[in-house]
Amino acid sequence: MTTGEDQNAAIWRSEQAVGRWVAAGDEREAKRAAQWQLMADLLPFGSDQPFTLLDLGAGTGAAARAVLGSYPRAEAVLADFSDQMMAEGAGAMAPYDGRYRYVAFDMVTDPWAGALPDTVDAVVSSQCIHHVPDERKATLFAEIHSHLAPGGWYLNFDPVTADDPIVAAAWQRAADRADPGAAAKAAHRTHDEQTRYDNHIRHMAPLDRQLGYLRAVGFQAVDVYWKHLDSVIYGGCRSPEPS
């Protein structure tokens, strides 16, 4: 558990924080490219089929780019609350000009209305749902389900926590062995680094709880489609309309 005020919104609207995040973009995207591609591959569309994707908490659009690159006739709506992130994304999304648009949307506070499409064929989110309080995760998943077209899919790529402290310790042990310098860095964080870390983990939740939220609002085919320690891709689909 973390203490103090939730500063996630302020962090992601900070020129300094976004600049630091963008500076590490190439390394981060190389590490996550396979997972974003898997999300694209899990979608049930033909390679020439037109459809509309919504990328929630899109940032600079990495998940959307994987989908648009795999489906040449797809179009994407990228939703984010940070003007700074959307401005950076405009450059990254340049190869897909004419096939995407950014809209301002705060997943924590904004209702699903106005700029967001009433119906979309697929929704993805990546590295952002863990910033959302649990009660809002549940209502957001309900909104996603209600605005998906019949048969539409939702996929989320995110870190999760473990209910079992022995499992959490095993995850940490393996992560530390993969990155021997990580423990020392964690022990010597600056005040700003610690603040960012505290806000990074503030609303993380166990995997089973989040899968339960999906099932409770009617998602089918709910599964963990990829997992490595605390990093997962999970999701499901809205049932097709009866024939």
C-alpha atoms as a PDB file:
ATOM      1  CA  MET A   1       0.000   0.000   0.000  1.00  0.00           C
ATOM      2  CA  THR A   2       1.143   3.531  -0.686  1.00  0.00           C
ATOM      3  CA  THR A   3       0.425   6.672   1.276  1.00  0.00           C
ATOM      4  CA  GLY A   4      -0.040  10.310   0.381  1.00  0.00           C
ATOM      5  CA  GLU A   5      -1.958  11.934  -2.420  1.00  0.00           C
ATOM      6  CA  ASP A   6      -2.542  10.221  -5.741  1.00  0.00           C
ATOM      7  CA  GLN A   7      -0.329  12.190  -8.151  1.00  0.00           C
ATOM      8  CA  ASN A   8      -0.716  10.070 -11.292  1.00  0.00           C
ATOM      9  CA  ALA A   9      -2.565  12.787 -13.187  1.00  0.00           C
ATOM     10  CA  ALA A  10      -0.003  15.445 -12.311  1.00  0.00           C
ATOM     11  CA  ILE A  11       2.896  13.168 -13.228  1.00  0.00           C
ATOM     12  CA  TRP A  12       1.561  12.388 -16.704  1.00  0.00           C
ATOM     13  CA  ARG A  13       0.782  16.049 -17.353  1.00  0.00           C
ATOM     14  CA  SER A  14       4.321  17.051 -16.404  1.00  0.00           C
ATOM     15  CA  GLU A  15       6.627  18.069 -19.234  1.00  0.00           C
ATOM     16  CA  GLN A  16       9.576  16.720 -17.245  1.00  0.00           C
ATOM     17  CA  ALA A  17       8.017  13.326 -16.530  1.00  0.00           C
ATOM     18  CA  VAL A  18       6.756  12.849 -20.077  1.00  0.00           C
ATOM     19  CA  GLY A  19      10.120  13.938 -21.482  1.00  0.00           C
ATOM     20  CA  ARG A  20      11.872  11.366 -19.329  1.00  0.00           C
ATOM     21  CA  TRP A  21       9.386   8.689 -20.414  1.00  0.00           C
ATOM     22  CA  VAL A  22       9.807   9.539 -24.102  1.00  0.00           C
ATOM     23  CA  ALA A  23      13.603   9.507 -23.811  1.00  0.00           C
ATOM     24  CA  ALA A  24      13.448   5.822 -22.828  1.00  0.00           C
ATOM     25  CA  GLY A  25      10.896   5.051 -25.517  1.00  0.00           C
ATOM     26  CA  ASP A  26      13.047   3.073 -27.943  1.00  0.00           C
ATOM     27  CA  GLU A  27      14.292   0.672 -25.266  1.00  0.00           C
ATOM     28  CA  ARG A  28      10.826   0.274 -23.758  1.00  0.00           C
ATOM     29  CA  GLU A  29       9.136  -0.353 -27.103  1.00  0.00           C
ATOM     30  CA  ALA A  30      11.739  -2.934 -28.089  1.00  0.00           C
ATOM     31  CA  LYS A  31      11.041  -4.852 -24.875  1.00  0.00           C
ATOM     32  CA  ARG A  32       7.259  -4.756 -25.319  1.00  0.00           C
ATOM     33  CA  ALA A  33       6.939  -5.090 -29.094  1.00  0.00           C
ATOM     34  CA  ALA A  34       6.107  -8.803 -28.968  1.00  0.00           C
ATOM     35  CA  GLN A  35       3.285  -8.234 -26.483  1.00  0.00           C
ATOM     36  CA  TRP A  36       1.717  -5.435 -28.520  1.00  0.00           C
ATOM     37  CA  GLN A  37       1.928  -7.627 -31.596  1.00  0.00           C
ATOM     38  CA  LEU A  38       0.262 -10.479 -29.725  1.00  0.00           C
ATOM     39  CA  MET A  39      -2.611  -8.165 -28.832  1.00  0.00           C
ATOM     40  CA  ALA A  40      -3.024  -7.381 -32.514  1.00  0.00           C
ATOM     41  CA  ASP A  41      -2.858 -11.054 -33.458  1.00  0.00           C
ATOM     42  CA  LEU A  42      -5.533 -11.981 -30.907  1.00  0.00           C
ATOM     43  CA  LEU A  43      -8.114  -9.762 -32.586  1.00  0.00           C
ATOM     44  CA  PRO A  44     -10.569 -11.762 -34.741  1.00  0.00           C
ATOM     45  CA  PHE A  45     -10.362  -9.722 -37.938  1.00  0.00           C
ATOM     46  CA  GLY A  46      -9.209 -10.623 -41.424  1.00  0.00           C
ATOM     47  CA  SER A  47      -6.150  -8.818 -42.693  1.00  0.00           C
ATOM     48  CA  ASP A  48      -8.242  -6.761 -45.153  1.00  0.00           C
ATOM     49  CA  GLN A  49     -11.236  -6.217 -42.887  1.00  0.00           C
ATOM     50  CA  PRO A  50     -12.134  -2.649 -41.893  1.00  0.00           C
ATOM     51  CA  PHE A  51     -12.854  -2.045 -38.206  1.00  0.00           C
ATOM     52  CA  THR A  52     -12.563   0.645 -35.546  1.00  0.00           C
ATOM     53  CA  LEU A  53     -10.169   0.256 -32.627  1.00  0.00           C
ATOM     54  CA  LEU A  54     -10.220   2.287 -29.428  1.00  0.00           C
ATOM     55  CA  ASP A  55      -6.868   2.542 -27.620  1.00  0.00           C
ATOM     56  CA  LEU A  56      -7.592   3.681 -24.053  1.00  0.00           C
ATOM     57  CA  GLY A  57      -4.802   5.504 -22.249  1.00  0.00           C
ATOM     58  CA  ALA A  58      -3.018   5.392 -25.570  1.00  0.00           C
ATOM     59  CA  GLY A  59      -0.005   7.515 -24.702  1.00  0.00           C
ATOM     60  CA  THR A  60       2.110   7.713 -27.848  1.00  0.00           C
ATOM     61  CA  GLY A  61       0.068   4.952 -29.477  1.00  0.00           C
ATOM     62  CA  ALA A  62       2.314   1.870 -29.300  1.00  0.00           C
ATOM     63  CA  ALA A  63      -0.562  -0.592 -28.999  1.00  0.00           C
ATOM     64  CA  ALA A  64      -2.568   1.151 -31.721  1.00  0.00           C
ATOM     65  CA  ARG A  65       0.433   1.114 -34.056  1.00  0.00           C
ATOM     66  CA  ALA A  66       0.740  -2.656 -33.690  1.00  0.00           C
ATOM     67  CA  VAL A  67      -2.904  -3.062 -34.652  1.00  0.00           C
ATOM     68  CA  LEU A  68      -2.864  -0.568 -37.524  1.00  0.00           C
ATOM     69  CA  GLY A  69       0.313  -2.157 -38.856  1.00  0.00           C
ATOM     70  CA  SER A  70      -1.337  -5.584 -38.909  1.00  0.00           C
ATOM     71  CA  TYR A  71      -4.689  -4.505 -40.356  1.00  0.00           C
ATOM     72  CA  PRO A  72      -4.257  -2.016 -43.234  1.00  0.00           C
ATOM     73  CA  ARG A  73      -7.962  -1.080 -43.346  1.00  0.00           C
ATOM     74  CA  ALA A  74      -8.402  -0.555 -39.611  1.00  0.00           C
ATOM     75  CA  GLU A  75      -8.836   2.886 -38.076  1.00  0.00           C
ATOM     76  CA  ALA A  76      -8.072   3.889 -34.507  1.00  0.00           C
ATOM     77  CA  VAL A  77      -9.288   6.343 -31.906  1.00  0.00           C
ATOM     78  CA  LEU A  78      -6.548   7.051 -29.358  1.00  0.00           C
ATOM     79  CA  ALA A  79      -7.841   8.319 -26.012  1.00  0.00           C
ATOM     80  CA  ASP A  80      -5.582   9.973 -23.455  1.00  0.00           C
ATOM     81  CA  PHE A  81      -5.841  12.715 -20.835  1.00  0.00           C
ATOM     82  CA  SER A  82      -2.301  14.093 -21.194  1.00  0.00           C
ATOM     83  CA  ASP A  83      -1.785  16.829 -23.781  1.00  0.00           C
ATOM     84  CA  GLN A  84       1.944  16.213 -23.486  1.00  0.00           C
ATOM     85  CA  MET A  85       1.633  12.515 -24.324  1.00  0.00           C
ATOM     86  CA  MET A  86      -0.719  13.196 -27.220  1.00  0.00           C
ATOM     87  CA  ALA A  87       1.676  15.790 -28.631  1.00  0.00           C
ATOM     88  CA  GLU A  88       4.504  13.236 -28.532  1.00  0.00           C
ATOM     89  CA  GLY A  89       2.216  10.652 -30.081  1.00  0.00           C
ATOM     90  CA  ALA A  90       1.492  12.807 -33.095  1.00  0.00           C
ATOM     91  CA  GLY A  91       5.041  12.236 -34.307  1.00  0.00           C
ATOM     92  CA  ALA A  92       5.045   8.511 -33.548  1.00  0.00           C
ATOM     93  CA  MET A  93       1.710   8.038 -35.314  1.00  0.00           C
ATOM     94  CA  ALA A  94       2.737   9.935 -38.472  1.00  0.00           C
ATOM     95  CA  PRO A  95       2.976   6.756 -40.629  1.00  0.00           C
ATOM     96  CA  TYR A  96      -0.743   6.190 -39.957  1.00  0.00           C
ATOM     97  CA  ASP A  97      -1.918   9.695 -40.816  1.00  0.00           C
ATOM     98  CA  GLY A  98      -5.546   9.620 -41.923  1.00  0.00           C
ATOM     99  CA  ARG A  99      -6.258   6.371 -40.076  1.00  0.00           C
ATOM    100  CA  TYR A 100      -6.275   7.632 -36.501  1.00  0.00           C
ATOM    101  CA  ARG A 101      -7.304  10.521 -34.301  1.00  0.00           C
ATOM    102  CA  TYR A 102      -6.562  11.494 -30.725  1.00  0.00           C
ATOM    103  CA  VAL A 103      -9.336  12.426 -28.287  1.00  0.00           C
ATOM    104  CA  ALA A 104      -9.054  13.808 -24.775  1.00  0.00           C
ATOM    105  CA  PHE A 105     -10.406  11.323 -22.227  1.00  0.00           C
ATOM    106  CA  ASP A 106      -9.569  10.759 -18.565  1.00  0.00           C
ATOM    107  CA  MET A 107     -10.386   7.152 -17.686  1.00  0.00           C
ATOM    108  CA  VAL A 108     -10.719   7.980 -13.987  1.00  0.00           C
ATOM    109  CA  THR A 109     -13.006  11.000 -14.138  1.00  0.00           C
ATOM    110  CA  ASP A 110     -14.626  11.343 -17.566  1.00  0.00           C
ATOM    111  CA  PRO A 111     -17.914   9.743 -18.665  1.00  0.00           C
ATOM    112  CA  TRP A 112     -17.981   7.749 -21.880  1.00  0.00           C
ATOM    113  CA  ALA A 113     -19.532  10.395 -24.057  1.00  0.00           C
ATOM    114  CA  GLY A 114     -18.777  13.104 -26.552  1.00  0.00           C
ATOM    115  CA  ALA A 115     -15.452  12.419 -28.207  1.00  0.00           C
ATOM    116  CA  LEU A 116     -15.486   8.634 -27.720  1.00  0.00           C
ATOM    117  CA  PRO A 117     -17.357   6.567 -30.316  1.00  0.00           C
ATOM    118  CA  ASP A 118     -20.596   5.049 -29.095  1.00  0.00           C
ATOM    119  CA  THR A 119     -19.662   1.690 -30.622  1.00  0.00           C
ATOM    120  CA  VAL A 120     -16.242   0.245 -31.449  1.00  0.00           C
ATOM    121  CA  ASP A 121     -15.150  -3.143 -32.748  1.00  0.00           C
ATOM    122  CA  ALA A 122     -12.189  -3.611 -30.393  1.00  0.00           C
ATOM    123  CA  VAL A 123     -10.618  -1.922 -27.384  1.00  0.00           C
ATOM    124  CA  VAL A 124      -7.041  -2.208 -26.161  1.00  0.00           C
ATOM    125  CA  SER A 125      -5.252  -0.681 -23.211  1.00  0.00           C
ATOM    126  CA  SER A 126      -1.586  -0.901 -22.349  1.00  0.00           C
ATOM    127  CA  GLN A 127       0.298   0.009 -19.178  1.00  0.00           C
ATOM    128  CA  CYS A 128      -2.441   2.295 -17.875  1.00  0.00           C
ATOM    129  CA  ILE A 129      -5.250   0.362 -16.158  1.00  0.00           C
ATOM    130  CA  HIS A 130      -2.992  -0.125 -13.130  1.00  0.00           C
ATOM    131  CA  HIS A 131      -3.241   3.654 -12.593  1.00  0.00           C
ATOM    132  CA  VAL A 132      -7.022   3.371 -12.122  1.00  0.00           C
ATOM    133  CA  PRO A 133      -8.598   2.743  -8.679  1.00  0.00           C
ATOM    134  CA  ASP A 134     -10.298  -0.627  -8.335  1.00  0.00           C
ATOM    135  CA  GLU A 135     -13.838   0.703  -8.147  1.00  0.00           C
ATOM    136  CA  ARG A 136     -13.227   2.559 -11.406  1.00  0.00           C
ATOM    137  CA  LYS A 137     -11.643  -0.488 -13.041  1.00  0.00           C
ATOM    138  CA  ALA A 138     -14.927  -2.322 -12.510  1.00  0.00           C
ATOM    139  CA  THR A 139     -17.115   0.463 -13.923  1.00  0.00           C
ATOM    140  CA  LEU A 140     -14.709   1.136 -16.795  1.00  0.00           C
ATOM    141  CA  PHE A 141     -14.798  -2.533 -17.826  1.00  0.00           C
ATOM    142  CA  ALA A 142     -18.595  -2.334 -17.776  1.00  0.00           C
ATOM    143  CA  GLU A 143     -18.490   0.724 -20.047  1.00  0.00           C
ATOM    144  CA  ILE A 144     -16.075  -0.977 -22.436  1.00  0.00           C
ATOM    145  CA  HIS A 145     -18.344  -4.017 -22.635  1.00  0.00           C
ATOM    146  CA  SER A 146     -21.448  -1.933 -23.295  1.00  0.00           C
ATOM    147  CA  HIS A 147     -19.776   0.032 -26.099  1.00  0.00           C
ATOM    148  CA  LEU A 148     -18.226  -2.933 -27.889  1.00  0.00           C
ATOM    149  CA  ALA A 149     -19.970  -4.170 -30.998  1.00  0.00           C
ATOM    150  CA  PRO A 150     -21.321  -7.722 -30.649  1.00  0.00           C
ATOM    151  CA  GLY A 151     -18.371 -10.078 -30.865  1.00  0.00           C
ATOM    152  CA  GLY A 152     -15.938  -7.243 -30.112  1.00  0.00           C
ATOM    153  CA  TRP A 153     -12.826  -7.806 -28.033  1.00  0.00           C
ATOM    154  CA  TYR A 154     -11.074  -6.030 -25.172  1.00  0.00           C
ATOM    155  CA  LEU A 155      -7.415  -6.747 -24.359  1.00  0.00           C
ATOM    156  CA  ASN A 156      -5.277  -5.215 -21.631  1.00  0.00           C
ATOM    157  CA  PHE A 157      -1.472  -5.405 -21.207  1.00  0.00           C
ATOM    158  CA  ASP A 158      -0.516  -4.399 -17.683  1.00  0.00           C
ATOM    159  CA  PRO A 159       1.331  -5.241 -14.469  1.00  0.00           C
ATOM    160  CA  VAL A 160      -0.552  -6.948 -11.652  1.00  0.00           C
ATOM    161  CA  THR A 161       0.085  -7.819  -8.014  1.00  0.00           C
ATOM    162  CA  ALA A 162       0.125 -11.221  -6.315  1.00  0.00           C
ATOM    163  CA  ASP A 163      -2.264 -12.221  -3.522  1.00  0.00           C
ATOM    164  CA  ASP A 164       0.304 -14.658  -2.151  1.00  0.00           C
ATOM    165  CA  PRO A 165       3.444 -13.085  -0.626  1.00  0.00           C
ATOM    166  CA  ILE A 166       5.479 -16.178  -1.530  1.00  0.00           C
ATOM    167  CA  VAL A 167       4.495 -15.720  -5.169  1.00  0.00           C
ATOM    168  CA  ALA A 168       5.332 -12.010  -4.989  1.00  0.00           C
ATOM    169  CA  ALA A 169       8.752 -12.860  -3.548  1.00  0.00           C
ATOM    170  CA  ALA A 170       9.388 -15.359  -6.343  1.00  0.00           C
ATOM    171  CA  TRP A 171       8.482 -12.758  -8.965  1.00  0.00           C
ATOM    172  CA  GLN A 172      10.831 -10.260  -7.346  1.00  0.00           C
ATOM    173  CA  ARG A 173      13.647 -12.795  -7.057  1.00  0.00           C
ATOM    174  CA  ALA A 174      13.426 -13.678 -10.737  1.00  0.00           C
ATOM    175  CA  ALA A 175      13.206 -10.013 -11.754  1.00  0.00           C
ATOM    176  CA  ASP A 176      16.261  -9.120  -9.659  1.00  0.00           C
ATOM    177  CA  ARG A 177      18.268 -11.927 -11.222  1.00  0.00           C
ATOM    178  CA  ALA A 178      17.285 -10.770 -14.695  1.00  0.00           C
ATOM    179  CA  ASP A 179      18.354  -7.200 -13.822  1.00  0.00           C
ATOM    180  CA  PRO A 180      21.071  -7.393 -11.124  1.00  0.00           C
ATOM    181  CA  GLY A 181      21.233  -3.620 -10.735  1.00  0.00           C
ATOM    182  CA  ALA A 182      17.527  -3.145 -10.069  1.00  0.00           C
ATOM    183  CA  ALA A 183      17.618  -3.779  -6.334  1.00  0.00           C
ATOM    184  CA  ALA A 184      20.378  -1.225  -5.786  1.00  0.00           C
ATOM    185  CA  LYS A 185      18.517   1.349  -7.875  1.00  0.00           C
ATOM    186  CA  ALA A 186      15.337   0.748  -5.868  1.00  0.00           C
ATOM    187  CA  ALA A 187      17.210   1.206  -2.605  1.00  0.00           C
ATOM    188  CA  HIS A 188      18.650   4.555  -3.689  1.00  0.00           C
ATOM    189  CA  ARG A 189      15.708   6.281  -5.356  1.00  0.00           C
ATOM    190  CA  THR A 190      15.566  10.053  -5.198  1.00  0.00           C
ATOM    191  CA  HIS A 191      12.493  11.688  -3.676  1.00  0.00           C
ATOM    192  CA  ASP A 192      11.006  12.276  -7.142  1.00  0.00           C
ATOM    193  CA  GLU A 193      11.776   8.724  -8.232  1.00  0.00           C
ATOM    194  CA  GLN A 194      10.124   7.335  -5.111  1.00  0.00           C
ATOM    195  CA  THR A 195       7.068   9.515  -5.690  1.00  0.00           C
ATOM    196  CA  ARG A 196       6.752   8.229  -9.263  1.00  0.00           C
ATOM    197  CA  TYR A 197       7.188   4.641  -8.095  1.00  0.00           C
ATOM    198  CA  ASP A 198       4.600   5.003  -5.326  1.00  0.00           C
ATOM    199  CA  ASN A 199       2.097   6.322  -7.840  1.00  0.00           C
ATOM    200  CA  HIS A 200       3.031   3.596 -10.323  1.00  0.00           C
ATOM    201  CA  ILE A 201       2.066   0.848  -7.873  1.00  0.00           C
ATOM    202  CA  ARG A 202      -0.704   2.718  -6.007  1.00  0.00           C
ATOM    203  CA  HIS A 203      -3.683   1.102  -7.732  1.00  0.00           C
ATOM    204  CA  MET A 204      -2.167  -2.168  -8.939  1.00  0.00           C
ATOM    205  CA  ALA A 205      -4.484  -5.094  -8.230  1.00  0.00           C
ATOM    206  CA  PRO A 206      -4.329  -8.888  -8.250  1.00  0.00           C
ATOM    207  CA  LEU A 207      -4.981 -10.591 -11.558  1.00  0.00           C
ATOM    208  CA  ASP A 208      -7.901 -12.733 -10.388  1.00  0.00           C
ATOM    209  CA  ARG A 209      -9.757  -9.680  -9.096  1.00  0.00           C
ATOM    210  CA  GLN A 210      -9.512  -7.983 -12.483  1.00  0.00           C
ATOM    211  CA  LEU A 211     -10.605 -11.116 -14.353  1.00  0.00           C
ATOM    212  CA  GLY A 212     -13.565 -11.205 -11.981  1.00  0.00           C
ATOM    213  CA  TYR A 213     -14.513  -7.661 -12.942  1.00  0.00           C
ATOM    214  CA  LEU A 214     -14.561  -8.691 -16.620  1.00  0.00           C
ATOM    215  CA  ARG A 215     -16.717 -11.749 -16.005  1.00  0.00           C
ATOM    216  CA  ALA A 216     -19.103  -9.834 -13.747  1.00  0.00           C
ATOM    217  CA  VAL A 217     -20.031  -7.384 -16.506  1.00  0.00           C
ATOM    218  CA  GLY A 218     -20.609 -10.086 -19.116  1.00  0.00           C
ATOM    219  CA  PHE A 219     -17.334 -10.631 -20.943  1.00  0.00           C
ATOM    220  CA  GLN A 220     -16.894 -14.087 -22.464  1.00  0.00           C
ATOM    221  CA  ALA A 221     -13.688 -15.961 -23.330  1.00  0.00           C
ATOM    222  CA  VAL A 222     -11.987 -14.249 -20.379  1.00  0.00           C
ATOM    223  CA  ASP A 223      -8.444 -15.540 -20.186  1.00  0.00           C
ATOM    224  CA  VAL A 224      -4.839 -14.655 -19.480  1.00  0.00           C
ATOM    225  CA  TYR A 225      -3.468 -14.717 -23.023  1.00  0.00           C
ATOM    226  CA  TRP A 226       0.142 -14.063 -21.998  1.00  0.00           C
ATOM    227  CA  LYS A 227       1.978 -13.821 -18.694  1.00  0.00           C
ATOM    228  CA  HIS A 228       5.515 -13.267 -17.448  1.00  0.00           C
ATOM    229  CA  LEU A 229       5.811 -12.854 -13.676  1.00  0.00           C
ATOM    230  CA  ASP A 230       3.746  -9.740 -12.859  1.00  0.00           C
ATOM    231  CA  SER A 231       3.154  -8.677 -16.468  1.00  0.00           C
ATOM    232  CA  VAL A 232       0.057  -9.989 -18.232  1.00  0.00           C
ATOM    233  CA  ILE A 233      -2.214  -9.688 -21.229  1.00  0.00           C
ATOM    234  CA  TYR A 234      -5.766 -10.521 -20.292  1.00  0.00           C
ATOM    235  CA  GLY A 235      -9.138  -9.869 -21.876  1.00  0.00           C
ATOM    236  CA  GLY A 236     -12.308 -11.242 -23.372  1.00  0.00           C
ATOM    237  CA  CYS A 237     -15.073 -10.556 -25.835  1.00  0.00           C
ATOM    238  CA  ARG A 238     -18.658  -9.436 -25.933  1.00  0.00           C
ATOM    239  CA  SER A 239     -20.961 -12.216 -27.057  1.00  0.00           C
ATOM    240  CA  PRO A 240     -22.282 -12.020 -30.616  1.00  0.00           C
ATOM    241  CA  GLU A 241     -25.915 -11.132 -31.070  1.00  0.00           C
ATOM    242  CA  PRO A 242     -28.190 -14.168 -31.323  1.00  0.00           C
ATOM    243  CA  SER A 243     -28.676 -15.261 -34.917  1.00  0.00           C
END
